[in-house]
């Protein structure tokens, strides 16, 4: 077990697509890259790259990657080697990967939980979405997490970073009304006493509704 050292040389979206398109698992690009795929432009620098998979398929992914890649469990500020055929249950949901024999990290894999056909938000299990409705596909056929779900992960974190606020500002104008309302309502479920993003989201929702009345 070792302290996490964030020395990254992240793969590109294209490189991730080349690796993961051959896997037997369902996957989506997540994080800031998912939002840029939605906007179809690079809005800021990305220090890493995240991929989301289903928990039920994490051993399939490990077996597929094991020839060339080493996986580590990131947990409470530590990196713990992920042993072959080691089944990961909650709370392990964050994996870091590097090429065998190398010291820099190439990509992260985030594990999501599902019940029946529904994705479950890890910070509040009452927030759910049909698994078939959690992703979109870019013009280059890259699957990525829906922007309102990715923004919920960012806004719902215990620490909302400046880059998360920037992502919100970049994406909000491009979201449709249904997605904005889903994001707002989900944040209010997690934070019933209010959240710093609610006022900003409401500005766009109110503007859209006023345009309909004109």
C-alpha atoms as a PDB file:
ATOM      1  CA  UNK A   1       0.000   0.000   0.000  1.00  0.00           C
ATOM      2  CA  UNK A   2       1.328   3.455  -0.865  1.00  0.00           C
ATOM      3  CA  UNK A   3       0.303   7.101  -0.805  1.00  0.00           C
ATOM      4  CA  UNK A   4      -1.343   8.322  -4.000  1.00  0.00           C
ATOM      5  CA  UNK A   5       1.164  10.115  -6.202  1.00  0.00           C
ATOM      6  CA  UNK A   6      -0.605  11.973  -8.962  1.00  0.00           C
ATOM      7  CA  UNK A   7       1.974  11.714 -11.741  1.00  0.00           C
ATOM      8  CA  UNK A   8      -0.179  11.487 -14.831  1.00  0.00           C
ATOM      9  CA  UNK A   9       0.405  11.024 -18.523  1.00  0.00           C
ATOM     10  CA  UNK A  10      -3.236  10.417 -19.411  1.00  0.00           C
ATOM     11  CA  UNK A  11      -4.289   8.650 -22.551  1.00  0.00           C
ATOM     12  CA  UNK A  12      -6.311  10.542 -25.107  1.00  0.00           C
ATOM     13  CA  UNK A  13      -9.995   9.883 -25.732  1.00  0.00           C
ATOM     14  CA  UNK A  14      -9.020   8.176 -28.991  1.00  0.00           C
ATOM     15  CA  UNK A  15      -6.544   5.897 -27.196  1.00  0.00           C
ATOM     16  CA  UNK A  16      -9.159   4.987 -24.596  1.00  0.00           C
ATOM     17  CA  UNK A  17     -11.599   4.181 -27.374  1.00  0.00           C
ATOM     18  CA  UNK A  18      -9.032   1.933 -29.053  1.00  0.00           C
ATOM     19  CA  UNK A  19      -8.446  -0.017 -25.828  1.00  0.00           C
ATOM     20  CA  UNK A  20     -11.981  -0.232 -24.524  1.00  0.00           C
ATOM     21  CA  UNK A  21     -13.738  -0.906 -27.826  1.00  0.00           C
ATOM     22  CA  UNK A  22     -12.212  -4.370 -27.656  1.00  0.00           C
ATOM     23  CA  UNK A  23     -13.370  -5.103 -24.117  1.00  0.00           C
ATOM     24  CA  UNK A  24     -16.412  -7.252 -23.260  1.00  0.00           C
ATOM     25  CA  UNK A  25     -17.713  -4.545 -20.894  1.00  0.00           C
ATOM     26  CA  UNK A  26     -20.093  -1.603 -21.235  1.00  0.00           C
ATOM     27  CA  UNK A  27     -18.170   1.619 -20.745  1.00  0.00           C
ATOM     28  CA  UNK A  28     -18.491   5.396 -20.920  1.00  0.00           C
ATOM     29  CA  UNK A  29     -16.030   8.297 -20.800  1.00  0.00           C
ATOM     30  CA  UNK A  30     -16.649  10.314 -17.630  1.00  0.00           C
ATOM     31  CA  UNK A  31     -15.272  13.416 -15.907  1.00  0.00           C
ATOM     32  CA  UNK A  32     -14.474  16.634 -17.695  1.00  0.00           C
ATOM     33  CA  UNK A  33     -13.858  14.813 -20.955  1.00  0.00           C
ATOM     34  CA  UNK A  34     -17.475  13.590 -20.974  1.00  0.00           C
ATOM     35  CA  UNK A  35     -18.651  17.190 -20.840  1.00  0.00           C
ATOM     36  CA  UNK A  36     -16.306  18.218 -23.653  1.00  0.00           C
ATOM     37  CA  UNK A  37     -17.558  15.325 -25.765  1.00  0.00           C
ATOM     38  CA  UNK A  38     -21.090  16.596 -25.199  1.00  0.00           C
ATOM     39  CA  UNK A  39     -20.089  20.117 -26.224  1.00  0.00           C
ATOM     40  CA  UNK A  40     -17.952  18.773 -29.081  1.00  0.00           C
ATOM     41  CA  UNK A  41     -15.062  21.038 -28.111  1.00  0.00           C
ATOM     42  CA  UNK A  42     -12.168  21.114 -25.656  1.00  0.00           C
ATOM     43  CA  UNK A  43     -13.066  23.747 -23.081  1.00  0.00           C
ATOM     44  CA  UNK A  44     -10.125  23.360 -20.684  1.00  0.00           C
ATOM     45  CA  UNK A  45      -7.017  21.347 -19.870  1.00  0.00           C
ATOM     46  CA  UNK A  46      -7.633  17.843 -18.491  1.00  0.00           C
ATOM     47  CA  UNK A  47      -5.109  16.367 -16.072  1.00  0.00           C
ATOM     48  CA  UNK A  48      -6.499  12.824 -16.261  1.00  0.00           C
ATOM     49  CA  UNK A  49      -9.133  10.750 -18.019  1.00  0.00           C
ATOM     50  CA  UNK A  50     -11.930   8.705 -16.461  1.00  0.00           C
ATOM     51  CA  UNK A  51     -13.902   5.712 -17.691  1.00  0.00           C
ATOM     52  CA  UNK A  52     -17.089   4.409 -16.059  1.00  0.00           C
ATOM     53  CA  UNK A  53     -18.048   0.723 -16.007  1.00  0.00           C
ATOM     54  CA  UNK A  54     -20.682  -1.420 -14.288  1.00  0.00           C
ATOM     55  CA  UNK A  55     -19.658  -3.166 -11.069  1.00  0.00           C
ATOM     56  CA  UNK A  56     -20.964  -6.456 -12.425  1.00  0.00           C
ATOM     57  CA  UNK A  57     -18.311  -6.314 -15.165  1.00  0.00           C
ATOM     58  CA  UNK A  58     -15.174  -5.183 -13.299  1.00  0.00           C
ATOM     59  CA  UNK A  59     -13.557  -8.647 -13.282  1.00  0.00           C
ATOM     60  CA  UNK A  60     -14.164  -8.979 -17.011  1.00  0.00           C
ATOM     61  CA  UNK A  61     -12.299  -5.715 -17.497  1.00  0.00           C
ATOM     62  CA  UNK A  62      -9.440  -6.802 -15.237  1.00  0.00           C
ATOM     63  CA  UNK A  63      -8.985 -10.013 -17.195  1.00  0.00           C
ATOM     64  CA  UNK A  64      -8.980  -8.119 -20.484  1.00  0.00           C
ATOM     65  CA  UNK A  65      -6.425  -5.525 -19.344  1.00  0.00           C
ATOM     66  CA  UNK A  66      -4.166  -7.797 -17.270  1.00  0.00           C
ATOM     67  CA  UNK A  67      -1.644  -8.540 -20.025  1.00  0.00           C
ATOM     68  CA  UNK A  68      -0.546  -4.917 -20.373  1.00  0.00           C
ATOM     69  CA  UNK A  69      -1.970  -2.914 -17.474  1.00  0.00           C
ATOM     70  CA  UNK A  70      -1.726  -2.827 -13.674  1.00  0.00           C
ATOM     71  CA  UNK A  71      -4.757  -1.759 -11.670  1.00  0.00           C
ATOM     72  CA  UNK A  72      -4.756  -0.197  -8.202  1.00  0.00           C
ATOM     73  CA  UNK A  73      -7.628   0.542  -5.821  1.00  0.00           C
ATOM     74  CA  UNK A  74      -7.658   4.200  -4.785  1.00  0.00           C
ATOM     75  CA  UNK A  75      -9.151   4.407  -1.299  1.00  0.00           C
ATOM     76  CA  UNK A  76      -8.812   7.001   1.458  1.00  0.00           C
ATOM     77  CA  UNK A  77      -5.699   8.558  -0.055  1.00  0.00           C
ATOM     78  CA  UNK A  78      -3.957   5.209  -0.589  1.00  0.00           C
ATOM     79  CA  UNK A  79      -3.241   3.078  -3.635  1.00  0.00           C
ATOM     80  CA  UNK A  80      -3.714  -0.646  -3.036  1.00  0.00           C
ATOM     81  CA  UNK A  81      -2.750  -3.241  -5.683  1.00  0.00           C
ATOM     82  CA  UNK A  82      -5.800  -4.864  -7.230  1.00  0.00           C
ATOM     83  CA  UNK A  83      -5.077  -8.591  -7.117  1.00  0.00           C
ATOM     84  CA  UNK A  84      -6.156 -10.844  -9.958  1.00  0.00           C
ATOM     85  CA  UNK A  85      -9.716 -12.115  -9.614  1.00  0.00           C
ATOM     86  CA  UNK A  86     -10.268  -9.920  -6.544  1.00  0.00           C
ATOM     87  CA  UNK A  87     -13.944  -9.022  -6.489  1.00  0.00           C
ATOM     88  CA  UNK A  88     -14.590  -5.437  -5.474  1.00  0.00           C
ATOM     89  CA  UNK A  89     -17.669  -4.577  -3.451  1.00  0.00           C
ATOM     90  CA  UNK A  90     -18.731  -1.187  -2.089  1.00  0.00           C
ATOM     91  CA  UNK A  91     -16.983   1.116  -1.112  1.00  0.00           C
ATOM     92  CA  UNK A  92     -14.277   0.334  -3.683  1.00  0.00           C
ATOM     93  CA  UNK A  93     -15.260   2.208  -6.827  1.00  0.00           C
ATOM     94  CA  UNK A  94     -12.097   4.012  -7.995  1.00  0.00           C
ATOM     95  CA  UNK A  95      -9.336   2.221  -9.923  1.00  0.00           C
ATOM     96  CA  UNK A  96      -6.113   3.698 -11.299  1.00  0.00           C
ATOM     97  CA  UNK A  97      -4.268   2.050 -14.165  1.00  0.00           C
ATOM     98  CA  UNK A  98      -0.721   2.308 -15.441  1.00  0.00           C
ATOM     99  CA  UNK A  99       1.190   0.411 -18.080  1.00  0.00           C
ATOM    100  CA  UNK A 100       3.167  -2.509 -16.639  1.00  0.00           C
ATOM    101  CA  UNK A 101       6.726  -1.431 -15.946  1.00  0.00           C
ATOM    102  CA  UNK A 102       5.871   2.271 -16.016  1.00  0.00           C
ATOM    103  CA  UNK A 103       5.346   4.715 -13.148  1.00  0.00           C
ATOM    104  CA  UNK A 104       2.883   7.232 -14.580  1.00  0.00           C
ATOM    105  CA  UNK A 105      -0.889   6.835 -14.440  1.00  0.00           C
ATOM    106  CA  UNK A 106      -2.748   6.523 -17.739  1.00  0.00           C
ATOM    107  CA  UNK A 107      -6.444   6.341 -16.870  1.00  0.00           C
ATOM    108  CA  UNK A 108      -8.973   5.900 -14.089  1.00  0.00           C
ATOM    109  CA  UNK A 109     -11.893   3.505 -14.015  1.00  0.00           C
ATOM    110  CA  UNK A 110     -14.896   4.429 -11.888  1.00  0.00           C
ATOM    111  CA  UNK A 111     -17.289   1.625 -10.926  1.00  0.00           C
ATOM    112  CA  UNK A 112     -21.004   2.382 -10.795  1.00  0.00           C
ATOM    113  CA  UNK A 113     -23.665   0.333  -9.054  1.00  0.00           C
ATOM    114  CA  UNK A 114     -26.963  -0.728 -10.561  1.00  0.00           C
ATOM    115  CA  UNK A 115     -30.092  -2.405  -9.292  1.00  0.00           C
ATOM    116  CA  UNK A 116     -32.120  -4.266 -11.878  1.00  0.00           C
ATOM    117  CA  UNK A 117     -32.045  -1.904 -14.869  1.00  0.00           C
ATOM    118  CA  UNK A 118     -31.314   1.263 -12.881  1.00  0.00           C
ATOM    119  CA  UNK A 119     -28.116   3.177 -12.220  1.00  0.00           C
ATOM    120  CA  UNK A 120     -27.885   4.242  -8.564  1.00  0.00           C
ATOM    121  CA  UNK A 121     -26.237   7.503  -7.512  1.00  0.00           C
ATOM    122  CA  UNK A 122     -23.706   6.511  -4.863  1.00  0.00           C
ATOM    123  CA  UNK A 123     -24.243   9.540  -2.614  1.00  0.00           C
ATOM    124  CA  UNK A 124     -28.024   9.166  -2.420  1.00  0.00           C
ATOM    125  CA  UNK A 125     -29.580   5.880  -3.483  1.00  0.00           C
ATOM    126  CA  UNK A 126     -32.986   7.462  -4.111  1.00  0.00           C
ATOM    127  CA  UNK A 127     -31.523   9.194  -7.187  1.00  0.00           C
ATOM    128  CA  UNK A 128     -31.738   6.697 -10.019  1.00  0.00           C
ATOM    129  CA  UNK A 129     -31.886   6.558 -13.788  1.00  0.00           C
ATOM    130  CA  UNK A 130     -32.602   3.828 -16.285  1.00  0.00           C
ATOM    131  CA  UNK A 131     -29.257   2.288 -17.166  1.00  0.00           C
ATOM    132  CA  UNK A 132     -30.100   2.690 -20.849  1.00  0.00           C
ATOM    133  CA  UNK A 133     -30.432   6.443 -20.262  1.00  0.00           C
ATOM    134  CA  UNK A 134     -27.163   7.311 -18.521  1.00  0.00           C
ATOM    135  CA  UNK A 135     -25.029   7.726 -21.618  1.00  0.00           C
ATOM    136  CA  UNK A 136     -24.743   9.382 -25.005  1.00  0.00           C
ATOM    137  CA  UNK A 137     -22.467   8.747 -27.997  1.00  0.00           C
ATOM    138  CA  UNK A 138     -20.225  11.291 -29.705  1.00  0.00           C
ATOM    139  CA  UNK A 139     -19.980  11.837 -33.448  1.00  0.00           C
ATOM    140  CA  UNK A 140     -16.857   9.657 -33.355  1.00  0.00           C
ATOM    141  CA  UNK A 141     -18.845   6.830 -31.707  1.00  0.00           C
ATOM    142  CA  UNK A 142     -17.316   7.363 -28.262  1.00  0.00           C
ATOM    143  CA  UNK A 143     -19.760   6.563 -25.419  1.00  0.00           C
ATOM    144  CA  UNK A 144     -19.827   9.099 -22.593  1.00  0.00           C
ATOM    145  CA  UNK A 145     -21.793   9.825 -19.441  1.00  0.00           C
ATOM    146  CA  UNK A 146     -24.746  12.188 -19.856  1.00  0.00           C
ATOM    147  CA  UNK A 147     -23.756  15.760 -18.891  1.00  0.00           C
ATOM    148  CA  UNK A 148     -26.396  16.236 -16.188  1.00  0.00           C
ATOM    149  CA  UNK A 149     -25.242  13.034 -14.473  1.00  0.00           C
ATOM    150  CA  UNK A 150     -21.586  14.032 -14.693  1.00  0.00           C
ATOM    151  CA  UNK A 151     -22.420  17.479 -13.305  1.00  0.00           C
ATOM    152  CA  UNK A 152     -24.275  15.813 -10.420  1.00  0.00           C
ATOM    153  CA  UNK A 153     -21.125  13.864  -9.546  1.00  0.00           C
ATOM    154  CA  UNK A 154     -19.142  17.099  -9.634  1.00  0.00           C
ATOM    155  CA  UNK A 155     -21.628  19.287  -7.765  1.00  0.00           C
ATOM    156  CA  UNK A 156     -22.497  16.540  -5.302  1.00  0.00           C
ATOM    157  CA  UNK A 157     -18.908  16.144  -4.160  1.00  0.00           C
ATOM    158  CA  UNK A 158     -17.905  17.318  -0.681  1.00  0.00           C
ATOM    159  CA  UNK A 159     -15.451  19.682  -2.407  1.00  0.00           C
ATOM    160  CA  UNK A 160     -16.654  21.559  -5.490  1.00  0.00           C
ATOM    161  CA  UNK A 161     -13.523  22.718  -7.297  1.00  0.00           C
ATOM    162  CA  UNK A 162     -13.054  25.758  -9.498  1.00  0.00           C
ATOM    163  CA  UNK A 163     -12.896  23.530 -12.576  1.00  0.00           C
ATOM    164  CA  UNK A 164     -16.270  22.036 -11.593  1.00  0.00           C
ATOM    165  CA  UNK A 165     -17.787  25.527 -11.493  1.00  0.00           C
ATOM    166  CA  UNK A 166     -16.227  26.229 -14.881  1.00  0.00           C
ATOM    167  CA  UNK A 167     -17.696  23.008 -16.269  1.00  0.00           C
ATOM    168  CA  UNK A 168     -21.124  24.023 -15.007  1.00  0.00           C
ATOM    169  CA  UNK A 169     -20.893  27.404 -16.720  1.00  0.00           C
ATOM    170  CA  UNK A 170     -19.734  25.832 -19.975  1.00  0.00           C
ATOM    171  CA  UNK A 171     -22.411  23.135 -20.083  1.00  0.00           C
ATOM    172  CA  UNK A 172     -25.530  24.784 -18.620  1.00  0.00           C
ATOM    173  CA  UNK A 173     -26.321  26.830 -21.753  1.00  0.00           C
ATOM    174  CA  UNK A 174     -26.184  23.679 -23.878  1.00  0.00           C
ATOM    175  CA  UNK A 175     -28.433  21.530 -21.677  1.00  0.00           C
ATOM    176  CA  UNK A 176     -32.087  21.105 -22.511  1.00  0.00           C
ATOM    177  CA  UNK A 177     -34.731  22.063 -19.965  1.00  0.00           C
ATOM    178  CA  UNK A 178     -35.417  18.494 -18.859  1.00  0.00           C
ATOM    179  CA  UNK A 179     -31.724  17.894 -18.106  1.00  0.00           C
ATOM    180  CA  UNK A 180     -31.386  21.156 -16.175  1.00  0.00           C
ATOM    181  CA  UNK A 181     -34.421  20.351 -14.059  1.00  0.00           C
ATOM    182  CA  UNK A 182     -33.170  16.816 -13.398  1.00  0.00           C
ATOM    183  CA  UNK A 183     -29.804  18.182 -12.241  1.00  0.00           C
ATOM    184  CA  UNK A 184     -31.429  20.795 -10.003  1.00  0.00           C
ATOM    185  CA  UNK A 185     -33.898  18.347  -8.489  1.00  0.00           C
ATOM    186  CA  UNK A 186     -31.196  15.744  -7.876  1.00  0.00           C
ATOM    187  CA  UNK A 187     -28.987  18.283  -6.099  1.00  0.00           C
ATOM    188  CA  UNK A 188     -31.956  19.299  -3.951  1.00  0.00           C
ATOM    189  CA  UNK A 189     -32.559  15.671  -3.001  1.00  0.00           C
ATOM    190  CA  UNK A 190     -28.937  15.353  -1.910  1.00  0.00           C
ATOM    191  CA  UNK A 191     -28.860  18.829  -0.357  1.00  0.00           C
ATOM    192  CA  UNK A 192     -32.408  19.628   0.863  1.00  0.00           C
ATOM    193  CA  UNK A 193     -31.159  22.830   2.531  1.00  0.00           C
ATOM    194  CA  UNK A 194     -29.822  24.136  -0.758  1.00  0.00           C
ATOM    195  CA  UNK A 195     -26.701  23.951  -2.929  1.00  0.00           C
ATOM    196  CA  UNK A 196     -24.446  26.646  -4.338  1.00  0.00           C
ATOM    197  CA  UNK A 197     -25.390  25.726  -7.935  1.00  0.00           C
ATOM    198  CA  UNK A 198     -29.184  25.924  -7.543  1.00  0.00           C
ATOM    199  CA  UNK A 199     -29.493  29.662  -8.144  1.00  0.00           C
ATOM    200  CA  UNK A 200     -27.393  29.452 -11.290  1.00  0.00           C
ATOM    201  CA  UNK A 201     -29.341  26.498 -12.676  1.00  0.00           C
ATOM    202  CA  UNK A 202     -32.638  28.222 -11.901  1.00  0.00           C
ATOM    203  CA  UNK A 203     -31.509  31.250 -13.910  1.00  0.00           C
ATOM    204  CA  UNK A 204     -31.391  29.107 -17.043  1.00  0.00           C
ATOM    205  CA  UNK A 205     -34.602  27.243 -16.228  1.00  0.00           C
ATOM    206  CA  UNK A 206     -36.488  30.505 -15.649  1.00  0.00           C
ATOM    207  CA  UNK A 207     -35.066  32.024 -18.811  1.00  0.00           C
ATOM    208  CA  UNK A 208     -36.184  29.035 -20.863  1.00  0.00           C
ATOM    209  CA  UNK A 209     -39.684  29.136 -19.381  1.00  0.00           C
ATOM    210  CA  UNK A 210     -39.997  32.887 -20.006  1.00  0.00           C
ATOM    211  CA  UNK A 211     -39.050  32.397 -23.643  1.00  0.00           C
ATOM    212  CA  UNK A 212     -41.914  29.923 -23.986  1.00  0.00           C
ATOM    213  CA  UNK A 213     -44.334  32.512 -22.645  1.00  0.00           C
ATOM    214  CA  UNK A 214     -43.278  35.199 -25.083  1.00  0.00           C
END
